[in-house]
Every structure is written in C-alpha cells, then in structure tokens.
Amino acid sequence: MKIEVFADAEAVARKAATLIAAEARAAVAARGRFVMAVSGGHTPWLMLRALTQEEVPWNAVHIVQVDERIAPAGDPDRNLTHLRESLLEHAPLSPERIHPMPVESPDLEAACAQYALTLQAIAGSPPVLDLVHLGLGPDGHTASLVPGDPVQNI
C-alpha cells in the first residue's frame, strides 16, 4: 500500500482527478465506457471540479450516485444538485450521462428497484462499476453514513 499526504483538500482533489481521468481513459479503451459512482459532500465536489480540467473521454462516461437525500429537484441539500453544478457547467458531459437516484418518487421502494434496473442497463448484470469515489466527512463518515444518525438504527 502506498500512502500519500497532501497539503490540503484541493491538492487531494487534483490528485484524485488525475488518477480518475487515467482510469476513465483506460476503461474506455478496454470496454468502450467508464461508469463512476460518486457520493455527495465537499470532497467529491472538489474532485469533480478538478476532473473537468483533465483529459476525460466524456462521451463514454456514465455517472451514478452512491447516495442521495430525499429532497425536491434542485434543492441545495441534494447531492445531484451539486453533481450537476460541478460537472455540467464545466465539462462537455451530456446531462443524460448523469443517472440520478429517483428520490422524488412517492414509492421509494419501487424507486430503488428502478435504479437497480438503470444500473444494470448501464453497467451490466450484475452491475460492475469502474470506480466508486467516496467522500470523507470531518467526523470520518462516508456515503451519508453519519455516526449517531438515528436513521441507521431502522
């Protein structure tokens, strides 16, 4: 295992973006597509903005979500809002290549089944993702799995 230490979050984001861009190019060369899952939070948003400065085969990239909050479209609490702002405003990525979790559905169980089908359509059955980028909160949480959150006790 190789451990690298960087000066700040921006430097980490730039290094991650460089590594992810290389993985994207390799996956597209090998399989014709690159499927990346991203979580919400500041760590992924910094990396996504840095990724827009890299050489990425955007026409073969699919972005799926690791986690999402149940909130209306465009809500600042939605990870999708920040995902779109980070990528669509700065990279030549088609909006159809971002595959949001359907959290606006009144039937969330059916929405989960629908998202599973979306993942299968993009990444095969069972779905195989090329890369999953998880953020890391200041308290060490990832993927909205915040320590002490009562929703985890359900």
N, C-alpha and C. Protein backbone atom coordinates (compact mmCIF):
# COMPACT_ATOMS: atom_id res chain seq x y z
N MET A 1 0.84 -1.16 0.00
CA MET A 1 0.00 0.00 0.00
C MET A 1 0.89 1.23 0.00
N LYS A 2 0.48 2.22 -0.79
CA LYS A 2 1.20 3.47 -0.86
C LYS A 2 0.36 4.56 -0.22
N ILE A 3 0.92 5.27 0.72
CA ILE A 3 0.22 6.36 1.40
C ILE A 3 0.86 7.67 0.96
N GLU A 4 0.01 8.59 0.50
CA GLU A 4 0.48 9.91 0.11
C GLU A 4 -0.20 10.95 0.97
N VAL A 5 0.52 11.97 1.35
CA VAL A 5 0.00 13.06 2.16
C VAL A 5 0.06 14.33 1.31
N PHE A 6 -1.05 15.07 1.30
CA PHE A 6 -1.14 16.28 0.50
C PHE A 6 -1.37 17.48 1.41
N ALA A 7 -1.04 18.64 0.90
CA ALA A 7 -1.08 19.88 1.70
C ALA A 7 -2.49 20.27 2.11
N ASP A 8 -3.47 20.03 1.23
CA ASP A 8 -4.83 20.47 1.53
C ASP A 8 -5.84 19.71 0.67
N ALA A 9 -7.11 20.00 0.88
CA ALA A 9 -8.18 19.29 0.17
C ALA A 9 -8.11 19.52 -1.33
N GLU A 10 -7.73 20.71 -1.75
CA GLU A 10 -7.60 21.00 -3.19
C GLU A 10 -6.54 20.11 -3.83
N ALA A 11 -5.42 19.93 -3.16
CA ALA A 11 -4.35 19.09 -3.69
C ALA A 11 -4.80 17.64 -3.78
N VAL A 12 -5.54 17.18 -2.78
CA VAL A 12 -6.09 15.82 -2.81
C VAL A 12 -7.05 15.68 -3.98
N ALA A 13 -7.90 16.67 -4.17
CA ALA A 13 -8.88 16.63 -5.26
C ALA A 13 -8.19 16.58 -6.62
N ARG A 14 -7.16 17.38 -6.79
CA ARG A 14 -6.43 17.38 -8.07
C ARG A 14 -5.77 16.03 -8.34
N LYS A 15 -5.16 15.44 -7.31
CA LYS A 15 -4.51 14.13 -7.49
C LYS A 15 -5.56 13.06 -7.81
N ALA A 16 -6.68 13.08 -7.09
CA ALA A 16 -7.75 12.11 -7.37
C ALA A 16 -8.26 12.28 -8.79
N ALA A 17 -8.44 13.52 -9.23
CA ALA A 17 -8.94 13.78 -10.58
C ALA A 17 -7.97 13.23 -11.63
N THR A 18 -6.69 13.40 -11.41
CA THR A 18 -5.69 12.88 -12.34
C THR A 18 -5.76 11.36 -12.42
N LEU A 19 -5.87 10.71 -11.27
CA LEU A 19 -5.97 9.25 -11.24
C LEU A 19 -7.27 8.76 -11.90
N ILE A 20 -8.37 9.44 -11.62
CA ILE A 20 -9.66 9.04 -12.18
C ILE A 20 -9.68 9.23 -13.69
N ALA A 21 -9.12 10.33 -14.17
CA ALA A 21 -9.07 10.56 -15.61
C ALA A 21 -8.29 9.44 -16.32
N ALA A 22 -7.19 9.01 -15.72
CA ALA A 22 -6.41 7.92 -16.30
C ALA A 22 -7.22 6.62 -16.31
N GLU A 23 -7.94 6.35 -15.23
CA GLU A 23 -8.80 5.16 -15.18
C GLU A 23 -9.91 5.24 -16.22
N ALA A 24 -10.47 6.42 -16.41
CA ALA A 24 -11.52 6.60 -17.41
C ALA A 24 -10.99 6.30 -18.80
N ARG A 25 -9.84 6.84 -19.12
CA ARG A 25 -9.26 6.58 -20.45
C ARG A 25 -8.99 5.10 -20.65
N ALA A 26 -8.46 4.43 -19.63
CA ALA A 26 -8.15 3.00 -19.74
C ALA A 26 -9.43 2.18 -19.90
N ALA A 27 -10.47 2.50 -19.12
CA ALA A 27 -11.72 1.74 -19.21
C ALA A 27 -12.38 1.92 -20.57
N VAL A 28 -12.38 3.13 -21.08
CA VAL A 28 -12.98 3.38 -22.39
C VAL A 28 -12.19 2.65 -23.47
N ALA A 29 -10.88 2.65 -23.38
CA ALA A 29 -10.07 1.93 -24.35
C ALA A 29 -10.34 0.43 -24.30
N ALA A 30 -10.55 -0.11 -23.10
CA ALA A 30 -10.76 -1.55 -22.93
C ALA A 30 -12.20 -1.99 -23.18
N ARG A 31 -13.18 -1.18 -22.71
CA ARG A 31 -14.57 -1.63 -22.74
C ARG A 31 -15.54 -0.67 -23.43
N GLY A 32 -15.05 0.49 -23.82
CA GLY A 32 -15.90 1.44 -24.51
C GLY A 32 -16.75 2.32 -23.61
N ARG A 33 -16.57 2.19 -22.29
CA ARG A 33 -17.33 3.03 -21.36
C ARG A 33 -16.60 3.09 -20.01
N PHE A 34 -16.99 4.09 -19.23
CA PHE A 34 -16.46 4.26 -17.88
C PHE A 34 -17.64 4.62 -17.00
N VAL A 35 -17.91 3.79 -16.00
CA VAL A 35 -19.02 4.01 -15.09
C VAL A 35 -18.45 4.33 -13.72
N MET A 36 -18.75 5.55 -13.25
CA MET A 36 -18.22 6.01 -11.97
C MET A 36 -19.37 6.37 -11.06
N ALA A 37 -19.29 5.92 -9.82
CA ALA A 37 -20.27 6.29 -8.79
C ALA A 37 -19.62 7.31 -7.88
N VAL A 38 -20.38 8.37 -7.57
CA VAL A 38 -19.85 9.40 -6.67
C VAL A 38 -20.85 9.65 -5.55
N SER A 39 -20.29 9.97 -4.39
CA SER A 39 -21.12 10.33 -3.25
C SER A 39 -21.24 11.84 -3.19
N GLY A 40 -22.01 12.32 -2.26
CA GLY A 40 -22.16 13.75 -2.07
C GLY A 40 -21.11 14.27 -1.12
N GLY A 41 -21.17 15.54 -0.86
CA GLY A 41 -20.24 16.14 0.09
C GLY A 41 -19.15 16.93 -0.61
N HIS A 42 -18.44 17.70 0.18
CA HIS A 42 -17.45 18.62 -0.37
C HIS A 42 -16.27 17.92 -1.02
N THR A 43 -15.84 16.79 -0.49
CA THR A 43 -14.69 16.08 -1.06
C THR A 43 -14.95 15.70 -2.51
N PRO A 44 -16.07 15.03 -2.83
CA PRO A 44 -16.33 14.70 -4.23
C PRO A 44 -16.53 15.94 -5.12
N TRP A 45 -17.16 16.98 -4.59
CA TRP A 45 -17.41 18.17 -5.42
C TRP A 45 -16.10 18.82 -5.83
N LEU A 46 -15.14 18.89 -4.92
CA LEU A 46 -13.82 19.43 -5.27
C LEU A 46 -13.16 18.57 -6.34
N MET A 47 -13.24 17.26 -6.17
CA MET A 47 -12.63 16.35 -7.14
C MET A 47 -13.31 16.48 -8.50
N LEU A 48 -14.65 16.59 -8.54
CA LEU A 48 -15.35 16.70 -9.81
C LEU A 48 -14.96 17.97 -10.55
N ARG A 49 -14.85 19.07 -9.82
CA ARG A 49 -14.42 20.31 -10.47
C ARG A 49 -13.00 20.16 -11.03
N ALA A 50 -12.12 19.50 -10.28
CA ALA A 50 -10.76 19.26 -10.78
C ALA A 50 -10.79 18.31 -11.98
N LEU A 51 -11.69 17.36 -11.98
CA LEU A 51 -11.79 16.40 -13.07
C LEU A 51 -12.14 17.09 -14.39
N THR A 52 -12.87 18.18 -14.32
CA THR A 52 -13.25 18.89 -15.55
C THR A 52 -12.04 19.50 -16.25
N GLN A 53 -10.91 19.60 -15.55
CA GLN A 53 -9.69 20.14 -16.14
C GLN A 53 -8.80 19.05 -16.74
N GLU A 54 -9.23 17.80 -16.60
CA GLU A 54 -8.44 16.66 -17.07
C GLU A 54 -8.92 16.19 -18.45
N GLU A 55 -8.08 15.39 -19.08
CA GLU A 55 -8.45 14.78 -20.36
C GLU A 55 -9.29 13.53 -20.07
N VAL A 56 -10.60 13.66 -20.28
CA VAL A 56 -11.55 12.59 -19.98
C VAL A 56 -12.40 12.33 -21.22
N PRO A 57 -12.62 11.08 -21.60
CA PRO A 57 -13.49 10.79 -22.74
C PRO A 57 -14.97 10.91 -22.34
N TRP A 58 -15.42 12.15 -22.14
CA TRP A 58 -16.73 12.43 -21.58
C TRP A 58 -17.87 11.74 -22.33
N ASN A 59 -17.73 11.53 -23.63
CA ASN A 59 -18.81 10.92 -24.41
C ASN A 59 -19.02 9.45 -24.07
N ALA A 60 -18.11 8.86 -23.28
CA ALA A 60 -18.24 7.45 -22.89
C ALA A 60 -18.34 7.28 -21.37
N VAL A 61 -18.56 8.38 -20.66
CA VAL A 61 -18.63 8.37 -19.20
C VAL A 61 -20.08 8.33 -18.74
N HIS A 62 -20.35 7.49 -17.75
CA HIS A 62 -21.64 7.46 -17.06
C HIS A 62 -21.37 7.73 -15.58
N ILE A 63 -22.18 8.62 -15.00
CA ILE A 63 -22.05 8.95 -13.58
C ILE A 63 -23.31 8.47 -12.86
N VAL A 64 -23.12 7.67 -11.82
CA VAL A 64 -24.23 7.22 -10.98
C VAL A 64 -23.96 7.69 -9.55
N GLN A 65 -24.97 7.59 -8.72
CA GLN A 65 -24.85 8.11 -7.36
C GLN A 65 -24.64 6.99 -6.35
N VAL A 66 -23.81 7.28 -5.35
CA VAL A 66 -23.62 6.39 -4.21
C VAL A 66 -24.74 6.61 -3.21
N ASP A 67 -25.09 7.87 -3.02
CA ASP A 67 -26.11 8.22 -2.04
C ASP A 67 -26.82 9.49 -2.47
N GLU A 68 -27.99 9.71 -1.89
CA GLU A 68 -28.78 10.90 -2.20
C GLU A 68 -29.73 11.19 -1.06
N ARG A 69 -30.05 12.45 -0.90
CA ARG A 69 -31.03 12.86 0.09
C ARG A 69 -32.41 12.94 -0.56
N ILE A 70 -33.42 12.64 0.22
CA ILE A 70 -34.78 12.74 -0.27
C ILE A 70 -35.21 14.20 -0.12
N ALA A 71 -35.17 14.90 -1.24
CA ALA A 71 -35.49 16.32 -1.28
C ALA A 71 -35.93 16.66 -2.70
N PRO A 72 -36.61 17.78 -2.88
CA PRO A 72 -37.09 18.16 -4.21
C PRO A 72 -35.93 18.43 -5.19
N ALA A 73 -36.25 18.36 -6.47
CA ALA A 73 -35.27 18.66 -7.51
C ALA A 73 -34.71 20.06 -7.31
N GLY A 74 -33.41 20.20 -7.48
CA GLY A 74 -32.76 21.49 -7.36
C GLY A 74 -32.47 21.94 -5.94
N ASP A 75 -32.93 21.18 -4.96
CA ASP A 75 -32.71 21.54 -3.56
C ASP A 75 -31.21 21.53 -3.26
N PRO A 76 -30.71 22.53 -2.53
CA PRO A 76 -29.27 22.56 -2.22
C PRO A 76 -28.81 21.39 -1.35
N ASP A 77 -29.74 20.69 -0.70
CA ASP A 77 -29.37 19.51 0.08
C ASP A 77 -29.17 18.28 -0.80
N ARG A 78 -29.64 18.34 -2.03
CA ARG A 78 -29.50 17.19 -2.94
C ARG A 78 -28.07 17.07 -3.44
N ASN A 79 -27.52 15.89 -3.39
CA ASN A 79 -26.21 15.64 -3.97
C ASN A 79 -26.24 15.86 -5.47
N LEU A 80 -27.35 15.52 -6.11
CA LEU A 80 -27.49 15.69 -7.55
C LEU A 80 -27.32 17.15 -7.96
N THR A 81 -27.83 18.06 -7.17
CA THR A 81 -27.70 19.49 -7.48
C THR A 81 -26.23 19.86 -7.62
N HIS A 82 -25.43 19.45 -6.66
CA HIS A 82 -24.00 19.78 -6.68
C HIS A 82 -23.25 18.98 -7.74
N LEU A 83 -23.67 17.76 -7.97
CA LEU A 83 -23.06 16.94 -9.01
C LEU A 83 -23.22 17.60 -10.36
N ARG A 84 -24.43 18.03 -10.65
CA ARG A 84 -24.69 18.70 -11.93
C ARG A 84 -23.93 20.01 -12.02
N GLU A 85 -23.93 20.80 -10.94
CA GLU A 85 -23.19 22.07 -10.95
C GLU A 85 -21.70 21.84 -11.17
N SER A 86 -21.15 20.82 -10.54
CA SER A 86 -19.71 20.56 -10.64
C SER A 86 -19.31 20.10 -12.03
N LEU A 87 -20.15 19.30 -12.67
CA LEU A 87 -19.77 18.73 -13.97
C LEU A 87 -20.39 19.43 -15.17
N LEU A 88 -21.69 19.57 -15.18
CA LEU A 88 -22.36 20.03 -16.39
C LEU A 88 -22.01 21.47 -16.76
N GLU A 89 -21.68 22.27 -15.77
CA GLU A 89 -21.33 23.66 -16.07
C GLU A 89 -19.88 23.81 -16.51
N HIS A 90 -19.06 22.74 -16.38
CA HIS A 90 -17.64 22.88 -16.64
C HIS A 90 -17.04 21.80 -17.54
N ALA A 91 -17.80 20.78 -17.90
CA ALA A 91 -17.28 19.69 -18.73
C ALA A 91 -18.28 19.38 -19.85
N PRO A 92 -17.78 18.88 -20.96
CA PRO A 92 -18.68 18.52 -22.07
C PRO A 92 -19.36 17.17 -21.85
N LEU A 93 -19.98 17.03 -20.70
CA LEU A 93 -20.70 15.80 -20.34
C LEU A 93 -22.18 16.02 -20.62
N SER A 94 -22.78 15.12 -21.35
CA SER A 94 -24.20 15.20 -21.65
C SER A 94 -25.01 14.94 -20.38
N PRO A 95 -26.05 15.73 -20.12
CA PRO A 95 -26.86 15.53 -18.91
C PRO A 95 -27.44 14.11 -18.81
N GLU A 96 -27.66 13.46 -19.95
CA GLU A 96 -28.21 12.10 -19.94
C GLU A 96 -27.22 11.08 -19.41
N ARG A 97 -25.97 11.46 -19.25
CA ARG A 97 -24.95 10.54 -18.74
C ARG A 97 -24.81 10.61 -17.23
N ILE A 98 -25.58 11.50 -16.61
CA ILE A 98 -25.69 11.51 -15.15
C ILE A 98 -27.00 10.83 -14.81
N HIS A 99 -26.93 9.77 -14.05
CA HIS A 99 -28.10 8.93 -13.75
C HIS A 99 -28.49 9.12 -12.28
N PRO A 100 -29.45 10.01 -12.03
CA PRO A 100 -29.83 10.33 -10.64
C PRO A 100 -30.66 9.23 -9.99
N MET A 101 -30.49 9.10 -8.70
CA MET A 101 -31.38 8.23 -7.92
C MET A 101 -32.76 8.89 -7.92
N PRO A 102 -33.81 8.13 -8.17
CA PRO A 102 -35.16 8.70 -8.28
C PRO A 102 -35.82 8.93 -6.92
N VAL A 103 -35.22 9.80 -6.12
CA VAL A 103 -35.69 10.02 -4.76
C VAL A 103 -36.95 10.89 -4.67
N GLU A 104 -37.39 11.43 -5.79
CA GLU A 104 -38.61 12.23 -5.79
C GLU A 104 -39.86 11.37 -5.94
N SER A 105 -39.66 10.09 -6.16
CA SER A 105 -40.77 9.16 -6.33
C SER A 105 -41.55 9.01 -5.02
N PRO A 106 -42.87 8.94 -5.10
CA PRO A 106 -43.65 8.72 -3.88
C PRO A 106 -43.47 7.29 -3.32
N ASP A 107 -43.02 6.37 -4.17
CA ASP A 107 -42.80 4.99 -3.76
C ASP A 107 -41.29 4.71 -3.81
N LEU A 108 -40.61 4.92 -2.70
CA LEU A 108 -39.16 4.80 -2.68
C LEU A 108 -38.68 3.37 -2.88
N GLU A 109 -39.47 2.41 -2.46
CA GLU A 109 -39.08 1.02 -2.68
C GLU A 109 -39.07 0.70 -4.17
N ALA A 110 -40.11 1.16 -4.87
CA ALA A 110 -40.15 0.97 -6.33
C ALA A 110 -39.03 1.77 -7.00
N ALA A 111 -38.72 2.93 -6.45
CA ALA A 111 -37.64 3.75 -7.00
C ALA A 111 -36.30 3.03 -6.89
N CYS A 112 -36.08 2.34 -5.79
CA CYS A 112 -34.85 1.56 -5.62
C CYS A 112 -34.76 0.47 -6.68
N ALA A 113 -35.85 -0.22 -6.92
CA ALA A 113 -35.88 -1.27 -7.94
C ALA A 113 -35.62 -0.66 -9.32
N GLN A 114 -36.18 0.52 -9.56
CA GLN A 114 -35.97 1.21 -10.83
C GLN A 114 -34.50 1.58 -11.00
N TYR A 115 -33.86 2.06 -9.93
CA TYR A 115 -32.45 2.44 -10.03
C TYR A 115 -31.57 1.21 -10.26
N ALA A 116 -31.94 0.10 -9.65
CA ALA A 116 -31.19 -1.15 -9.89
C ALA A 116 -31.24 -1.51 -11.38
N LEU A 117 -32.40 -1.33 -12.00
CA LEU A 117 -32.52 -1.60 -13.45
C LEU A 117 -31.69 -0.62 -14.27
N THR A 118 -31.66 0.63 -13.82
CA THR A 118 -30.84 1.64 -14.51
C THR A 118 -29.37 1.23 -14.44
N LEU A 119 -28.92 0.81 -13.26
CA LEU A 119 -27.53 0.37 -13.11
C LEU A 119 -27.22 -0.82 -14.00
N GLN A 120 -28.17 -1.76 -14.08
CA GLN A 120 -27.96 -2.93 -14.94
C GLN A 120 -27.87 -2.53 -16.41
N ALA A 121 -28.70 -1.59 -16.83
CA ALA A 121 -28.69 -1.14 -18.22
C ALA A 121 -27.36 -0.48 -18.57
N ILE A 122 -26.78 0.22 -17.62
CA ILE A 122 -25.52 0.94 -17.86
C ILE A 122 -24.31 0.04 -17.67
N ALA A 123 -24.34 -0.79 -16.62
CA ALA A 123 -23.13 -1.48 -16.17
C ALA A 123 -23.24 -3.00 -16.16
N GLY A 124 -24.29 -3.55 -16.76
CA GLY A 124 -24.41 -4.99 -16.85
C GLY A 124 -25.13 -5.61 -15.66
N SER A 125 -25.28 -6.93 -15.73
CA SER A 125 -25.99 -7.65 -14.69
C SER A 125 -25.13 -8.84 -14.24
N PRO A 126 -24.66 -8.81 -13.02
CA PRO A 126 -24.80 -7.74 -12.04
C PRO A 126 -23.98 -6.52 -12.48
N PRO A 127 -24.39 -5.33 -12.03
CA PRO A 127 -23.67 -4.12 -12.44
C PRO A 127 -22.22 -4.13 -11.95
N VAL A 128 -21.32 -3.74 -12.83
CA VAL A 128 -19.91 -3.62 -12.49
C VAL A 128 -19.51 -2.16 -12.72
N LEU A 129 -19.15 -1.50 -11.64
CA LEU A 129 -18.72 -0.11 -11.71
C LEU A 129 -17.21 -0.06 -11.89
N ASP A 130 -16.75 0.88 -12.68
CA ASP A 130 -15.31 1.02 -12.88
C ASP A 130 -14.64 1.69 -11.70
N LEU A 131 -15.35 2.62 -11.05
CA LEU A 131 -14.74 3.36 -9.96
C LEU A 131 -15.84 3.91 -9.06
N VAL A 132 -15.62 3.86 -7.76
CA VAL A 132 -16.53 4.45 -6.79
C VAL A 132 -15.71 5.45 -5.98
N HIS A 133 -16.14 6.70 -6.00
CA HIS A 133 -15.45 7.75 -5.25
C HIS A 133 -16.31 8.11 -4.05
N LEU A 134 -15.79 7.85 -2.88
CA LEU A 134 -16.50 8.17 -1.64
C LEU A 134 -15.86 9.39 -0.99
N GLY A 135 -16.69 10.30 -0.54
CA GLY A 135 -16.19 11.43 0.21
C GLY A 135 -15.88 11.00 1.64
N LEU A 136 -15.25 11.88 2.36
CA LEU A 136 -14.92 11.60 3.75
C LEU A 136 -15.19 12.86 4.55
N GLY A 137 -16.18 12.78 5.45
CA GLY A 137 -16.54 13.93 6.27
C GLY A 137 -15.54 14.17 7.38
N PRO A 138 -15.60 15.35 7.98
CA PRO A 138 -14.63 15.68 9.04
C PRO A 138 -14.72 14.76 10.25
N ASP A 139 -15.87 14.09 10.42
CA ASP A 139 -16.01 13.14 11.52
C ASP A 139 -15.70 11.71 11.09
N GLY A 140 -15.21 11.55 9.85
CA GLY A 140 -14.85 10.24 9.34
C GLY A 140 -15.97 9.51 8.62
N HIS A 141 -17.15 10.12 8.47
CA HIS A 141 -18.25 9.42 7.81
C HIS A 141 -18.07 9.42 6.29
N THR A 142 -18.72 8.48 5.65
CA THR A 142 -18.74 8.41 4.20
C THR A 142 -20.13 7.97 3.76
N ALA A 143 -20.51 8.34 2.53
CA ALA A 143 -21.78 7.94 1.93
C ALA A 143 -22.98 8.26 2.82
N SER A 144 -22.96 9.40 3.45
CA SER A 144 -24.05 9.86 4.33
C SER A 144 -24.32 8.91 5.49
N LEU A 145 -23.36 8.08 5.83
CA LEU A 145 -23.47 7.20 6.98
C LEU A 145 -22.83 7.91 8.17
N VAL A 146 -23.56 8.89 8.71
CA VAL A 146 -23.06 9.76 9.76
C VAL A 146 -23.18 9.07 11.12
N PRO A 147 -22.09 9.02 11.89
CA PRO A 147 -22.15 8.37 13.21
C PRO A 147 -23.27 8.97 14.08
N GLY A 148 -24.05 8.10 14.69
CA GLY A 148 -25.12 8.52 15.58
C GLY A 148 -26.41 8.90 14.90
N ASP A 149 -26.47 8.85 13.57
CA ASP A 149 -27.70 9.19 12.86
C ASP A 149 -28.76 8.14 13.18
N PRO A 150 -29.92 8.56 13.73
CA PRO A 150 -30.93 7.58 14.14
C PRO A 150 -31.50 6.77 12.97
N VAL A 151 -31.40 7.25 11.75
CA VAL A 151 -31.94 6.51 10.61
C VAL A 151 -31.19 5.18 10.41
N GLN A 152 -29.96 5.09 10.89
CA GLN A 152 -29.19 3.86 10.76
C GLN A 152 -29.66 2.76 11.69
N ASN A 153 -30.50 3.10 12.65
CA ASN A 153 -30.99 2.11 13.60
C ASN A 153 -32.31 1.49 13.16
N ILE A 154 -32.74 1.81 11.96
CA ILE A 154 -34.02 1.27 11.48
C ILE A 154 -33.86 -0.16 11.04
